[in-house]
Amino acid sequence: MKKSIITLSVLGALSLGLPAAMADTTAMPAAPAKPASKPMMAPAHKKPMMKHVMHASMMVKKAQEALNKHGAMLKVDGMMGPKTRAAIMSFQKANGLKPTGHLTKMTLGKLEAK
């Protein structure tokens, strides 16, 4: 087996125009090269994440202000913390909504209406 590998290596080197002495008899065949990967970029139709975060923060601020009008006494910082979630749940219960603690469309609609 070893003899046939050496013979094939020498024959391969000769077919490439290399001297037989340059034939590498111990090397394994090289794996095919992988294509270069493209840099990760967001599709053109997607909004950058920062705009989404800023929009969500502004929505939370508006909700906090509206909840404060109903007596919640929240710090209006745009952060969805445990106090804001608790105030949302309390508002949802008081208005016949499912108490999830999330700003659903129904919750936002009721907050804006009052």
PDB file of N, CA and C in Angstrom:
ATOM      1  N   MET A   1       0.837  -1.204   0.000  1.00  0.00           N
ATOM      2  CA  MET A   1       0.000   0.000   0.000  1.00  0.00           C
ATOM      3  C   MET A   1       0.867   1.246   0.000  1.00  0.00           C
ATOM      4  N   LYS A   2       1.908   1.264   0.890  1.00  0.00           N
ATOM      5  CA  LYS A   2       2.784   2.409   0.991  1.00  0.00           C
ATOM      6  C   LYS A   2       3.514   2.648  -0.330  1.00  0.00           C
ATOM      7  N   LYS A   3       3.887   1.560  -0.974  1.00  0.00           N
ATOM      8  CA  LYS A   3       4.608   1.647  -2.235  1.00  0.00           C
ATOM      9  C   LYS A   3       3.731   2.306  -3.305  1.00  0.00           C
ATOM     10  N   SER A   4       2.431   1.959  -3.313  1.00  0.00           N
ATOM     11  CA  SER A   4       1.546   2.536  -4.323  1.00  0.00           C
ATOM     12  C   SER A   4       1.295   4.018  -4.063  1.00  0.00           C
ATOM     13  N   ILE A   5       1.266   4.430  -2.786  1.00  0.00           N
ATOM     14  CA  ILE A   5       1.081   5.844  -2.460  1.00  0.00           C
ATOM     15  C   ILE A   5       2.290   6.631  -2.930  1.00  0.00           C
ATOM     16  N   ILE A   6       3.490   6.090  -2.675  1.00  0.00           N
ATOM     17  CA  ILE A   6       4.710   6.771  -3.101  1.00  0.00           C
ATOM     18  C   ILE A   6       4.734   6.876  -4.619  1.00  0.00           C
ATOM     19  N   THR A   7       4.386   5.797  -5.292  1.00  0.00           N
ATOM     20  CA  THR A   7       4.385   5.793  -6.751  1.00  0.00           C
ATOM     21  C   THR A   7       3.395   6.824  -7.288  1.00  0.00           C
ATOM     22  N   LEU A   8       2.189   6.862  -6.694  1.00  0.00           N
ATOM     23  CA  LEU A   8       1.191   7.825  -7.142  1.00  0.00           C
ATOM     24  C   LEU A   8       1.657   9.254  -6.876  1.00  0.00           C
ATOM     25  N   SER A   9       2.306   9.499  -5.740  1.00  0.00           N
ATOM     26  CA  SER A   9       2.806  10.830  -5.423  1.00  0.00           C
ATOM     27  C   SER A   9       3.856  11.260  -6.428  1.00  0.00           C
ATOM     28  N   VAL A  10       4.774  10.348  -6.744  1.00  0.00           N
ATOM     29  CA  VAL A  10       5.830  10.672  -7.707  1.00  0.00           C
ATOM     30  C   VAL A  10       5.218  10.918  -9.077  1.00  0.00           C
ATOM     31  N   LEU A  11       4.263  10.063  -9.486  1.00  0.00           N
ATOM     32  CA  LEU A  11       3.618  10.242 -10.781  1.00  0.00           C
ATOM     33  C   LEU A  11       2.851  11.558 -10.833  1.00  0.00           C
ATOM     34  N   GLY A  12       2.188  11.895  -9.733  1.00  0.00           N
ATOM     35  CA  GLY A  12       1.458  13.157  -9.672  1.00  0.00           C
ATOM     36  C   GLY A  12       2.390  14.342  -9.791  1.00  0.00           C
ATOM     37  N   ALA A  13       3.537  14.278  -9.109  1.00  0.00           N
ATOM     38  CA  ALA A  13       4.507  15.366  -9.164  1.00  0.00           C
ATOM     39  C   ALA A  13       5.068  15.493 -10.566  1.00  0.00           C
ATOM     40  N   LEU A  14       5.332  14.372 -11.200  1.00  0.00           N
ATOM     41  CA  LEU A  14       5.884  14.403 -12.549  1.00  0.00           C
ATOM     42  C   LEU A  14       4.876  14.968 -13.539  1.00  0.00           C
ATOM     43  N   SER A  15       3.595  14.625 -13.342  1.00  0.00           N
ATOM     44  CA  SER A  15       2.582  15.128 -14.267  1.00  0.00           C
ATOM     45  C   SER A  15       2.410  16.639 -14.122  1.00  0.00           C
ATOM     46  N   LEU A  16       2.777  17.177 -12.962  1.00  0.00           N
ATOM     47  CA  LEU A  16       2.711  18.621 -12.753  1.00  0.00           C
ATOM     48  C   LEU A  16       3.988  19.315 -13.202  1.00  0.00           C
ATOM     49  N   GLY A  17       4.960  18.528 -13.634  1.00  0.00           N
ATOM     50  CA  GLY A  17       6.212  19.106 -14.088  1.00  0.00           C
ATOM     51  C   GLY A  17       7.194  19.351 -12.962  1.00  0.00           C
ATOM     52  N   LEU A  18       6.946  18.741 -11.789  1.00  0.00           N
ATOM     53  CA  LEU A  18       7.848  18.899 -10.656  1.00  0.00           C
ATOM     54  C   LEU A  18       8.840  17.751 -10.643  1.00  0.00           C
ATOM     55  N   PRO A  19      10.046  17.974 -10.132  1.00  0.00           N
ATOM     56  CA  PRO A  19      10.985  16.873  -9.989  1.00  0.00           C
ATOM     57  C   PRO A  19      10.435  15.866  -8.985  1.00  0.00           C
ATOM     58  N   ALA A  20      10.740  14.598  -9.155  1.00  0.00           N
ATOM     59  CA  ALA A  20      10.249  13.539  -8.287  1.00  0.00           C
ATOM     60  C   ALA A  20      10.668  13.754  -6.848  1.00  0.00           C
ATOM     61  N   ALA A  21      11.767  14.413  -6.618  1.00  0.00           N
ATOM     62  CA  ALA A  21      12.259  14.646  -5.261  1.00  0.00           C
ATOM     63  C   ALA A  21      11.341  15.587  -4.486  1.00  0.00           C
ATOM     64  N   MET A  22      10.540  16.404  -5.194  1.00  0.00           N
ATOM     65  CA  MET A  22       9.655  17.356  -4.516  1.00  0.00           C
ATOM     66  C   MET A  22       8.315  16.730  -4.153  1.00  0.00           C
ATOM     67  N   ALA A  23       8.090  15.506  -4.575  1.00  0.00           N
ATOM     68  CA  ALA A  23       6.823  14.845  -4.264  1.00  0.00           C
ATOM     69  C   ALA A  23       6.747  14.576  -2.774  1.00  0.00           C
ATOM     70  N   ASP A  24       5.678  15.013  -2.130  1.00  0.00           N
ATOM     71  CA  ASP A  24       5.490  14.793  -0.691  1.00  0.00           C
ATOM     72  C   ASP A  24       4.787  13.468  -0.519  1.00  0.00           C
ATOM     73  N   THR A  25       5.485  12.498   0.005  1.00  0.00           N
ATOM     74  CA  THR A  25       4.923  11.155   0.119  1.00  0.00           C
ATOM     75  C   THR A  25       4.158  10.953   1.412  1.00  0.00           C
ATOM     76  N   THR A  26       4.188  11.898   2.332  1.00  0.00           N
ATOM     77  CA  THR A  26       3.520  11.713   3.616  1.00  0.00           C
ATOM     78  C   THR A  26       2.249  12.553   3.738  1.00  0.00           C
ATOM     79  N   ALA A  27       2.086  13.516   2.880  1.00  0.00           N
ATOM     80  CA  ALA A  27       0.950  14.435   3.004  1.00  0.00           C
ATOM     81  C   ALA A  27      -0.342  13.784   2.538  1.00  0.00           C
ATOM     82  N   MET A  28      -1.391  14.133   3.214  1.00  0.00           N
ATOM     83  CA  MET A  28      -2.731  13.688   2.834  1.00  0.00           C
ATOM     84  C   MET A  28      -3.250  14.653   1.777  1.00  0.00           C
ATOM     85  N   PRO A  29      -4.179  14.212   0.959  1.00  0.00           N
ATOM     86  CA  PRO A  29      -4.742  15.132  -0.026  1.00  0.00           C
ATOM     87  C   PRO A  29      -5.408  16.314   0.683  1.00  0.00           C
ATOM     88  N   ALA A  30      -5.244  17.495   0.125  1.00  0.00           N
ATOM     89  CA  ALA A  30      -5.808  18.703   0.731  1.00  0.00           C
ATOM     90  C   ALA A  30      -7.318  18.716   0.573  1.00  0.00           C
ATOM     91  N   ALA A  31      -7.988  19.227   1.597  1.00  0.00           N
ATOM     92  CA  ALA A  31      -9.446  19.364   1.543  1.00  0.00           C
ATOM     93  C   ALA A  31      -9.776  20.494   0.585  1.00  0.00           C
ATOM     94  N   PRO A  32     -10.907  20.424  -0.086  1.00  0.00           N
ATOM     95  CA  PRO A  32     -11.275  21.517  -0.991  1.00  0.00           C
ATOM     96  C   PRO A  32     -11.427  22.813  -0.200  1.00  0.00           C
ATOM     97  N   ALA A  33     -11.004  23.908  -0.783  1.00  0.00           N
ATOM     98  CA  ALA A  33     -11.070  25.207  -0.110  1.00  0.00           C
ATOM     99  C   ALA A  33     -12.513  25.644   0.037  1.00  0.00           C
ATOM    100  N   LYS A  34     -12.827  26.223   1.195  1.00  0.00           N
ATOM    101  CA  LYS A  34     -14.173  26.739   1.435  1.00  0.00           C
ATOM    102  C   LYS A  34     -14.264  28.135   0.825  1.00  0.00           C
ATOM    103  N   PRO A  35     -15.409  28.486   0.287  1.00  0.00           N
ATOM    104  CA  PRO A  35     -15.542  29.840  -0.248  1.00  0.00           C
ATOM    105  C   PRO A  35     -15.478  30.849   0.897  1.00  0.00           C
ATOM    106  N   ALA A  36     -14.926  31.995   0.623  1.00  0.00           N
ATOM    107  CA  ALA A  36     -14.834  33.037   1.647  1.00  0.00           C
ATOM    108  C   ALA A  36     -16.238  33.450   2.062  1.00  0.00           C
ATOM    109  N   SER A  37     -16.455  33.592   3.362  1.00  0.00           N
ATOM    110  CA  SER A  37     -17.785  33.976   3.833  1.00  0.00           C
ATOM    111  C   SER A  37     -17.977  35.475   3.670  1.00  0.00           C
ATOM    112  N   LYS A  38     -19.194  35.848   3.384  1.00  0.00           N
ATOM    113  CA  LYS A  38     -19.529  37.256   3.222  1.00  0.00           C
ATOM    114  C   LYS A  38     -19.796  37.849   4.594  1.00  0.00           C
ATOM    115  N   PRO A  39     -19.510  39.126   4.792  1.00  0.00           N
ATOM    116  CA  PRO A  39     -19.805  39.743   6.087  1.00  0.00           C
ATOM    117  C   PRO A  39     -21.306  39.762   6.330  1.00  0.00           C
ATOM    118  N   MET A  40     -21.688  39.590   7.588  1.00  0.00           N
ATOM    119  CA  MET A  40     -23.105  39.577   7.945  1.00  0.00           C
ATOM    120  C   MET A  40     -23.656  40.999   7.872  1.00  0.00           C
ATOM    121  N   MET A  41     -24.661  41.163   7.056  1.00  0.00           N
ATOM    122  CA  MET A  41     -25.302  42.465   6.943  1.00  0.00           C
ATOM    123  C   MET A  41     -26.809  42.265   7.003  1.00  0.00           C
ATOM    124  N   ALA A  42     -27.477  43.199   7.584  1.00  0.00           N
ATOM    125  CA  ALA A  42     -28.929  43.118   7.660  1.00  0.00           C
ATOM    126  C   ALA A  42     -29.509  43.365   6.273  1.00  0.00           C
ATOM    127  N   PRO A  43     -30.573  42.670   5.934  1.00  0.00           N
ATOM    128  CA  PRO A  43     -31.213  42.936   4.644  1.00  0.00           C
ATOM    129  C   PRO A  43     -31.662  44.388   4.561  1.00  0.00           C
ATOM    130  N   ALA A  44     -31.704  44.920   3.365  1.00  0.00           N
ATOM    131  CA  ALA A  44     -32.037  46.331   3.167  1.00  0.00           C
ATOM    132  C   ALA A  44     -33.433  46.667   3.679  1.00  0.00           C
ATOM    133  N   HIS A  45     -34.350  45.689   3.673  1.00  0.00           N
ATOM    134  CA  HIS A  45     -35.721  45.971   4.095  1.00  0.00           C
ATOM    135  C   HIS A  45     -35.900  45.940   5.608  1.00  0.00           C
ATOM    136  N   LYS A  46     -34.888  45.504   6.342  1.00  0.00           N
ATOM    137  CA  LYS A  46     -34.986  45.433   7.801  1.00  0.00           C
ATOM    138  C   LYS A  46     -34.523  46.753   8.413  1.00  0.00           C
ATOM    139  N   LYS A  47     -35.226  47.194   9.439  1.00  0.00           N
ATOM    140  CA  LYS A  47     -34.815  48.396  10.158  1.00  0.00           C
ATOM    141  C   LYS A  47     -33.690  48.030  11.106  1.00  0.00           C
ATOM    142  N   PRO A  48     -32.771  48.934  11.332  1.00  0.00           N
ATOM    143  CA  PRO A  48     -31.720  48.656  12.313  1.00  0.00           C
ATOM    144  C   PRO A  48     -32.327  48.460  13.699  1.00  0.00           C
ATOM    145  N   MET A  49     -31.701  47.625  14.493  1.00  0.00           N
ATOM    146  CA  MET A  49     -32.218  47.293  15.814  1.00  0.00           C
ATOM    147  C   MET A  49     -32.348  48.529  16.699  1.00  0.00           C
ATOM    148  N   MET A  50     -31.453  49.478  16.557  1.00  0.00           N
ATOM    149  CA  MET A  50     -31.474  50.651  17.429  1.00  0.00           C
ATOM    150  C   MET A  50     -32.776  51.438  17.267  1.00  0.00           C
ATOM    151  N   LYS A  51     -33.280  51.553  16.047  1.00  0.00           N
ATOM    152  CA  LYS A  51     -34.541  52.262  15.848  1.00  0.00           C
ATOM    153  C   LYS A  51     -35.674  51.557  16.578  1.00  0.00           C
ATOM    154  N   HIS A  52     -35.657  50.218  16.543  1.00  0.00           N
ATOM    155  CA  HIS A  52     -36.693  49.443  17.233  1.00  0.00           C
ATOM    156  C   HIS A  52     -36.608  49.687  18.731  1.00  0.00           C
ATOM    157  N   VAL A  53     -35.405  49.691  19.277  1.00  0.00           N
ATOM    158  CA  VAL A  53     -35.221  49.899  20.718  1.00  0.00           C
ATOM    159  C   VAL A  53     -35.675  51.294  21.099  1.00  0.00           C
ATOM    160  N   MET A  54     -35.317  52.295  20.280  1.00  0.00           N
ATOM    161  CA  MET A  54     -35.720  53.662  20.584  1.00  0.00           C
ATOM    162  C   MET A  54     -37.228  53.798  20.518  1.00  0.00           C
ATOM    163  N   HIS A  55     -37.843  53.141  19.536  1.00  0.00           N
ATOM    164  CA  HIS A  55     -39.299  53.200  19.415  1.00  0.00           C
ATOM    165  C   HIS A  55     -39.959  52.549  20.631  1.00  0.00           C
ATOM    166  N   ALA A  56     -39.451  51.402  21.050  1.00  0.00           N
ATOM    167  CA  ALA A  56     -40.019  50.701  22.206  1.00  0.00           C
ATOM    168  C   ALA A  56     -39.856  51.541  23.460  1.00  0.00           C
ATOM    169  N   SER A  57     -38.709  52.172  23.616  1.00  0.00           N
ATOM    170  CA  SER A  57     -38.462  53.007  24.785  1.00  0.00           C
ATOM    171  C   SER A  57     -39.440  54.182  24.827  1.00  0.00           C
ATOM    172  N   MET A  58     -39.699  54.782  23.674  1.00  0.00           N
ATOM    173  CA  MET A  58     -40.644  55.896  23.622  1.00  0.00           C
ATOM    174  C   MET A  58     -42.056  55.429  23.936  1.00  0.00           C
ATOM    175  N   MET A  59     -42.393  54.210  23.480  1.00  0.00           N
ATOM    176  CA  MET A  59     -43.717  53.671  23.758  1.00  0.00           C
ATOM    177  C   MET A  59     -43.869  53.411  25.262  1.00  0.00           C
ATOM    178  N   VAL A  60     -42.827  52.901  25.885  1.00  0.00           N
ATOM    179  CA  VAL A  60     -42.879  52.632  27.327  1.00  0.00           C
ATOM    180  C   VAL A  60     -43.006  53.953  28.079  1.00  0.00           C
ATOM    181  N   LYS A  61     -42.285  54.978  27.641  1.00  0.00           N
ATOM    182  CA  LYS A  61     -42.391  56.296  28.287  1.00  0.00           C
ATOM    183  C   LYS A  61     -43.820  56.821  28.226  1.00  0.00           C
ATOM    184  N   LYS A  62     -44.421  56.721  27.044  1.00  0.00           N
ATOM    185  CA  LYS A  62     -45.807  57.194  26.885  1.00  0.00           C
ATOM    186  C   LYS A  62     -46.749  56.393  27.783  1.00  0.00           C
ATOM    187  N   ALA A  63     -46.518  55.092  27.863  1.00  0.00           N
ATOM    188  CA  ALA A  63     -47.355  54.248  28.717  1.00  0.00           C
ATOM    189  C   ALA A  63     -47.152  54.618  30.185  1.00  0.00           C
ATOM    190  N   GLN A  64     -45.918  54.872  30.589  1.00  0.00           N
ATOM    191  CA  GLN A  64     -45.639  55.261  31.970  1.00  0.00           C
ATOM    192  C   GLN A  64     -46.330  56.583  32.307  1.00  0.00           C
ATOM    193  N   GLU A  65     -46.276  57.516  31.370  1.00  0.00           N
ATOM    194  CA  GLU A  65     -46.953  58.799  31.605  1.00  0.00           C
ATOM    195  C   GLU A  65     -48.456  58.595  31.750  1.00  0.00           C
ATOM    196  N   ALA A  66     -49.030  57.756  30.888  1.00  0.00           N
ATOM    197  CA  ALA A  66     -50.472  57.492  30.955  1.00  0.00           C
ATOM    198  C   ALA A  66     -50.824  56.755  32.245  1.00  0.00           C
ATOM    199  N   LEU A  67     -49.993  55.797  32.629  1.00  0.00           N
ATOM    200  CA  LEU A  67     -50.245  55.066  33.882  1.00  0.00           C
ATOM    201  C   LEU A  67     -50.144  55.998  35.085  1.00  0.00           C
ATOM    202  N   ASN A  68     -49.231  56.959  35.033  1.00  0.00           N
ATOM    203  CA  ASN A  68     -49.108  57.924  36.124  1.00  0.00           C
ATOM    204  C   ASN A  68     -50.366  58.782  36.254  1.00  0.00           C
ATOM    205  N   LYS A  69     -51.020  59.051  35.135  1.00  0.00           N
ATOM    206  CA  LYS A  69     -52.283  59.805  35.176  1.00  0.00           C
ATOM    207  C   LYS A  69     -53.363  59.012  35.902  1.00  0.00           C
ATOM    208  N   HIS A  70     -53.164  57.691  35.961  1.00  0.00           N
ATOM    209  CA  HIS A  70     -54.096  56.808  36.675  1.00  0.00           C
ATOM    210  C   HIS A  70     -53.589  56.468  38.071  1.00  0.00           C
ATOM    211  N   GLY A  71     -52.559  57.194  38.534  1.00  0.00           N
ATOM    212  CA  GLY A  71     -52.084  57.032  39.910  1.00  0.00           C
ATOM    213  C   GLY A  71     -50.940  56.047  40.108  1.00  0.00           C
ATOM    214  N   ALA A  72     -50.238  55.657  39.085  1.00  0.00           N
ATOM    215  CA  ALA A  72     -49.195  54.645  39.231  1.00  0.00           C
ATOM    216  C   ALA A  72     -47.925  55.168  39.901  1.00  0.00           C
ATOM    217  N   MET A  73     -47.608  56.420  39.752  1.00  0.00           N
ATOM    218  CA  MET A  73     -46.404  57.052  40.323  1.00  0.00           C
ATOM    219  C   MET A  73     -45.116  56.330  39.892  1.00  0.00           C
ATOM    220  N   LEU A  74     -44.950  56.167  38.583  1.00  0.00           N
ATOM    221  CA  LEU A  74     -43.761  55.531  38.023  1.00  0.00           C
ATOM    222  C   LEU A  74     -42.732  56.578  37.629  1.00  0.00           C
ATOM    223  N   LYS A  75     -41.480  56.195  37.649  1.00  0.00           N
ATOM    224  CA  LYS A  75     -40.427  57.027  37.100  1.00  0.00           C
ATOM    225  C   LYS A  75     -40.527  56.887  35.580  1.00  0.00           C
ATOM    226  N   VAL A  76     -40.679  57.989  34.859  1.00  0.00           N
ATOM    227  CA  VAL A  76     -40.832  57.965  33.409  1.00  0.00           C
ATOM    228  C   VAL A  76     -39.430  57.925  32.790  1.00  0.00           C
ATOM    229  N   ASP A  77     -38.946  56.690  32.563  1.00  0.00           N
ATOM    230  CA  ASP A  77     -37.594  56.518  32.039  1.00  0.00           C
ATOM    231  C   ASP A  77     -37.538  55.657  30.777  1.00  0.00           C
ATOM    232  N   GLY A  78     -38.670  55.132  30.359  1.00  0.00           N
ATOM    233  CA  GLY A  78     -38.707  54.297  29.164  1.00  0.00           C
ATOM    234  C   GLY A  78     -38.223  52.877  29.388  1.00  0.00           C
ATOM    235  N   MET A  79     -37.963  52.515  30.631  1.00  0.00           N
ATOM    236  CA  MET A  79     -37.473  51.173  30.959  1.00  0.00           C
ATOM    237  C   MET A  79     -38.648  50.307  31.432  1.00  0.00           C
ATOM    238  N   MET A  80     -38.718  49.102  30.885  1.00  0.00           N
ATOM    239  CA  MET A  80     -39.777  48.177  31.269  1.00  0.00           C
ATOM    240  C   MET A  80     -39.284  47.353  32.459  1.00  0.00           C
ATOM    241  N   GLY A  81     -39.367  47.956  33.635  1.00  0.00           N
ATOM    242  CA  GLY A  81     -38.929  47.285  34.852  1.00  0.00           C
ATOM    243  C   GLY A  81     -40.097  46.628  35.577  1.00  0.00           C
ATOM    244  N   PRO A  82     -39.811  46.040  36.745  1.00  0.00           N
ATOM    245  CA  PRO A  82     -40.861  45.337  37.490  1.00  0.00           C
ATOM    246  C   PRO A  82     -42.000  46.251  37.948  1.00  0.00           C
ATOM    247  N   LYS A  83     -41.704  47.499  38.293  1.00  0.00           N
ATOM    248  CA  LYS A  83     -42.766  48.419  38.733  1.00  0.00           C
ATOM    249  C   LYS A  83     -43.685  48.783  37.568  1.00  0.00           C
ATOM    250  N   THR A  84     -43.081  48.975  36.390  1.00  0.00           N
ATOM    251  CA  THR A  84     -43.888  49.290  35.208  1.00  0.00           C
ATOM    252  C   THR A  84     -44.767  48.099  34.843  1.00  0.00           C
ATOM    253  N   ARG A  85     -44.198  46.902  34.885  1.00  0.00           N
ATOM    254  CA  ARG A  85     -44.979  45.692  34.578  1.00  0.00           C
ATOM    255  C   ARG A  85     -46.132  45.533  35.565  1.00  0.00           C
ATOM    256  N   ALA A  86     -45.861  45.773  36.846  1.00  0.00           N
ATOM    257  CA  ALA A  86     -46.909  45.653  37.865  1.00  0.00           C
ATOM    258  C   ALA A  86     -48.011  46.683  37.633  1.00  0.00           C
ATOM    259  N   ALA A  87     -47.625  47.905  37.259  1.00  0.00           N
ATOM    260  CA  ALA A  87     -48.617  48.949  36.993  1.00  0.00           C
ATOM    261  C   ALA A  87     -49.452  48.589  35.765  1.00  0.00           C
ATOM    262  N   ILE A  88     -48.819  48.014  34.760  1.00  0.00           N
ATOM    263  CA  ILE A  88     -49.562  47.593  33.559  1.00  0.00           C
ATOM    264  C   ILE A  88     -50.550  46.496  33.921  1.00  0.00           C
ATOM    265  N   MET A  89     -50.101  45.524  34.709  1.00  0.00           N
ATOM    266  CA  MET A  89     -51.000  44.431  35.113  1.00  0.00           C
ATOM    267  C   MET A  89     -52.185  44.967  35.909  1.00  0.00           C
ATOM    268  N   SER A  90     -51.915  45.891  36.814  1.00  0.00           N
ATOM    269  CA  SER A  90     -52.980  46.479  37.622  1.00  0.00           C
ATOM    270  C   SER A  90     -53.984  47.210  36.725  1.00  0.00           C
ATOM    271  N   PHE A  91     -53.483  47.980  35.765  1.00  0.00           N
ATOM    272  CA  PHE A  91     -54.343  48.688  34.826  1.00  0.00           C
ATOM    273  C   PHE A  91     -55.159  47.691  33.996  1.00  0.00           C
ATOM    274  N   GLN A  92     -54.505  46.631  33.551  1.00  0.00           N
ATOM    275  CA  GLN A  92     -55.201  45.624  32.748  1.00  0.00           C
ATOM    276  C   GLN A  92     -56.335  44.974  33.536  1.00  0.00           C
ATOM    277  N   LYS A  93     -56.065  44.609  34.777  1.00  0.00           N
ATOM    278  CA  LYS A  93     -57.109  43.992  35.617  1.00  0.00           C
ATOM    279  C   LYS A  93     -58.279  44.949  35.813  1.00  0.00           C
ATOM    280  N   ALA A  94     -57.951  46.208  36.098  1.00  0.00           N
ATOM    281  CA  ALA A  94     -58.985  47.206  36.360  1.00  0.00           C
ATOM    282  C   ALA A  94     -59.830  47.516  35.125  1.00  0.00           C
ATOM    283  N   ASN A  95     -59.305  47.214  33.940  1.00  0.00           N
ATOM    284  CA  ASN A  95     -60.014  47.543  32.702  1.00  0.00           C
ATOM    285  C   ASN A  95     -60.501  46.325  31.935  1.00  0.00           C
ATOM    286  N   GLY A  96     -60.610  45.196  32.625  1.00  0.00           N
ATOM    287  CA  GLY A  96     -61.164  44.002  32.013  1.00  0.00           C
ATOM    288  C   GLY A  96     -60.294  43.354  30.943  1.00  0.00           C
ATOM    289  N   LEU A  97     -58.995  43.612  31.005  1.00  0.00           N
ATOM    290  CA  LEU A  97     -58.063  43.003  30.049  1.00  0.00           C
ATOM    291  C   LEU A  97     -57.318  41.850  30.716  1.00  0.00           C
ATOM    292  N   LYS A  98     -56.772  40.977  29.915  1.00  0.00           N
ATOM    293  CA  LYS A  98     -55.968  39.875  30.446  1.00  0.00           C
ATOM    294  C   LYS A  98     -54.702  40.466  31.069  1.00  0.00           C
ATOM    295  N   PRO A  99     -54.468  40.217  32.364  1.00  0.00           N
ATOM    296  CA  PRO A  99     -53.312  40.820  33.048  1.00  0.00           C
ATOM    297  C   PRO A  99     -51.988  40.124  32.692  1.00  0.00           C
ATOM    298  N   THR A 100     -51.347  40.605  31.627  1.00  0.00           N
ATOM    299  CA  THR A 100     -50.088  40.007  31.171  1.00  0.00           C
ATOM    300  C   THR A 100     -48.863  40.803  31.607  1.00  0.00           C
ATOM    301  N   GLY A 101     -49.042  42.088  31.853  1.00  0.00           N
ATOM    302  CA  GLY A 101     -47.897  42.938  32.183  1.00  0.00           C
ATOM    303  C   GLY A 101     -47.167  43.418  30.936  1.00  0.00           C
ATOM    304  N   HIS A 102     -47.709  43.099  29.767  1.00  0.00           N
ATOM    305  CA  HIS A 102     -47.116  43.528  28.498  1.00  0.00           C
ATOM    306  C   HIS A 102     -47.984  44.614  27.877  1.00  0.00           C
ATOM    307  N   LEU A 103     -47.343  45.482  27.109  1.00  0.00           N
ATOM    308  CA  LEU A 103     -48.082  46.546  26.437  1.00  0.00           C
ATOM    309  C   LEU A 103     -48.702  46.007  25.152  1.00  0.00           C
ATOM    310  N   THR A 104     -49.848  45.410  25.297  1.00  0.00           N
ATOM    311  CA  THR A 104     -50.562  44.881  24.133  1.00  0.00           C
ATOM    312  C   THR A 104     -51.290  46.020  23.424  1.00  0.00           C
ATOM    313  N   LYS A 105     -51.774  45.749  22.235  1.00  0.00           N
ATOM    314  CA  LYS A 105     -52.528  46.768  21.499  1.00  0.00           C
ATOM    315  C   LYS A 105     -53.772  47.197  22.267  1.00  0.00           C
ATOM    316  N   MET A 106     -54.420  46.224  22.876  1.00  0.00           N
ATOM    317  CA  MET A 106     -55.635  46.537  23.651  1.00  0.00           C
ATOM    318  C   MET A 106     -55.300  47.437  24.842  1.00  0.00           C
ATOM    319  N   THR A 107     -54.202  47.121  25.527  1.00  0.00           N
ATOM    320  CA  THR A 107     -53.793  47.919  26.680  1.00  0.00           C
ATOM    321  C   THR A 107     -53.442  49.341  26.247  1.00  0.00           C
ATOM    322  N   LEU A 108     -52.665  49.459  25.187  1.00  0.00           N
ATOM    323  CA  LEU A 108     -52.293  50.794  24.708  1.00  0.00           C
ATOM    324  C   LEU A 108     -53.522  51.571  24.277  1.00  0.00           C
ATOM    325  N   GLY A 109     -54.449  50.890  23.650  1.00  0.00           N
ATOM    326  CA  GLY A 109     -55.684  51.554  23.224  1.00  0.00           C
ATOM    327  C   GLY A 109     -56.468  52.084  24.409  1.00  0.00           C
ATOM    328  N   LYS A 110     -56.594  51.287  25.454  1.00  0.00           N
ATOM    329  CA  LYS A 110     -57.334  51.718  26.650  1.00  0.00           C
ATOM    330  C   LYS A 110     -56.587  52.843  27.372  1.00  0.00           C
ATOM    331  N   LEU A 111     -55.267  52.771  27.402  1.00  0.00           N
ATOM    332  CA  LEU A 111     -54.477  53.828  28.053  1.00  0.00           C
ATOM    333  C   LEU A 111     -54.656  55.151  27.329  1.00  0.00           C
ATOM    334  N   GLU A 112     -54.648  55.117  26.009  1.00  0.00           N
ATOM    335  CA  GLU A 112     -54.780  56.338  25.227  1.00  0.00           C
ATOM    336  C   GLU A 112     -56.202  56.889  25.296  1.00  0.00           C
ATOM    337  N   ALA A 113     -57.188  56.021  25.446  1.00  0.00           N
ATOM    338  CA  ALA A 113     -58.590  56.443  25.476  1.00  0.00           C
ATOM    339  C   ALA A 113     -58.952  57.132  26.780  1.00  0.00           C
ATOM    340  N   LYS A 114     -58.250  56.825  27.838  1.00  0.00           N
ATOM    341  CA  LYS A 114     -58.629  57.373  29.152  1.00  0.00           C
ATOM    342  C   LYS A 114     -57.843  58.598  29.500  1.00  0.00           C
TER     343      LYS A 114
END
